[in-house]
């Protein structure tokens, strides 16, 4: 926790020194470098509830701060990197960042030599692995293992690698060790229509978009609401489910009847979702309890640490089924739609839309809605 707190302090310090007055202004510049995140992730960084774990990402952040003259020397850059637990800058990284290393001590020089040795050994190791891997491709072209990185949008993948956060019943969750739910059935039905194999990768919601950016998955099918902000960064399929947000409370709670009664109340929700954004319209930021998944948010309500939960109607149905002491209060107060998410410009959106159209025409989407939401 100390490391996270230190990173949070330094991140905020250098962000303000770089004249990024808001988190969104920093997020916009980072997106130009190819890193797209929901703004809630940056809030977690600044509050110390999370730290970035991708070395390239942290080096990009440092580079941005150097360009803005917020970080002015080797010591400051190394300090920020070390608080993430990713070690220290290598000689090559220092050169790329254009840092002044005149003030280094003997310990640092020794450390640099050791880093060079480690990098050399790793380089040789990776070279051997690469040779073995390439050789295996020539001899075993009919291999059946899933690829570590998915094909580009210009290919027709035989495997659909789908990112999903399986903590949102009845849309997606784990039951008896198996992933089940509306979105799981939808993915399997699409695969049948497209004559493709399918692989689901269970990824937390606030990391699933980054996995798509890095092409570790083909698409996201995980109860993602189509919004204008998201459409600026990603392509969406046609909508496949009409949903709206609702409030969940304990049945014993007689003080909350609708969203207007949430002022001054503790509201739990999942970080990085439209539920989080909507909840801020009705309660203050310090009373909004952000969790990595709705399992934790629900537990906070059941345990009395929260007064209500903000979530989409399908998820709300799953929650109150699992916890009979909870109930949905009032009617859905938003009109929203779920869609499948793709990297900008991915031509496979057309194929997926054709598949959705066939499922809609055959009555499959309607059957899924009756199966999971009624």
Foldseek 3Di string as FASTA:
>chain_A
DVLLQQLLVLLVQLCVLLVVPDLVSVQVVLVVVLFHFQSLVVVCSNVSVDDDDDLVSLLVSLLSSVVSVSDAAQVSSQSNSVSNVPHGDEPVSCVVSVHDDPPDDPVVVVVNVVVVVVVVVVVVVVVVVVVVVVVCCVVCVPDDDDDQFFDALVDDALEAEEEEAQQFPQQWHADPNDIHHLLVVVVVLLCVVVVHHYHYDHDQPRCRVVCQSVRSGFWYRYQAWDDPVVVVFWDWAPFLDKKFKFKKFFPPDPQDQGLQSCEVFAEEEEPPGVQQVVNCVRYPPVRYHYDSHVVVRLVCRVVVVGGIYIDILLSQQVSCVVPVRMDTHDDGPDIITGTMIGGPPRPCSVVSNVSSVVCVVVCNSVVSCVVGPD
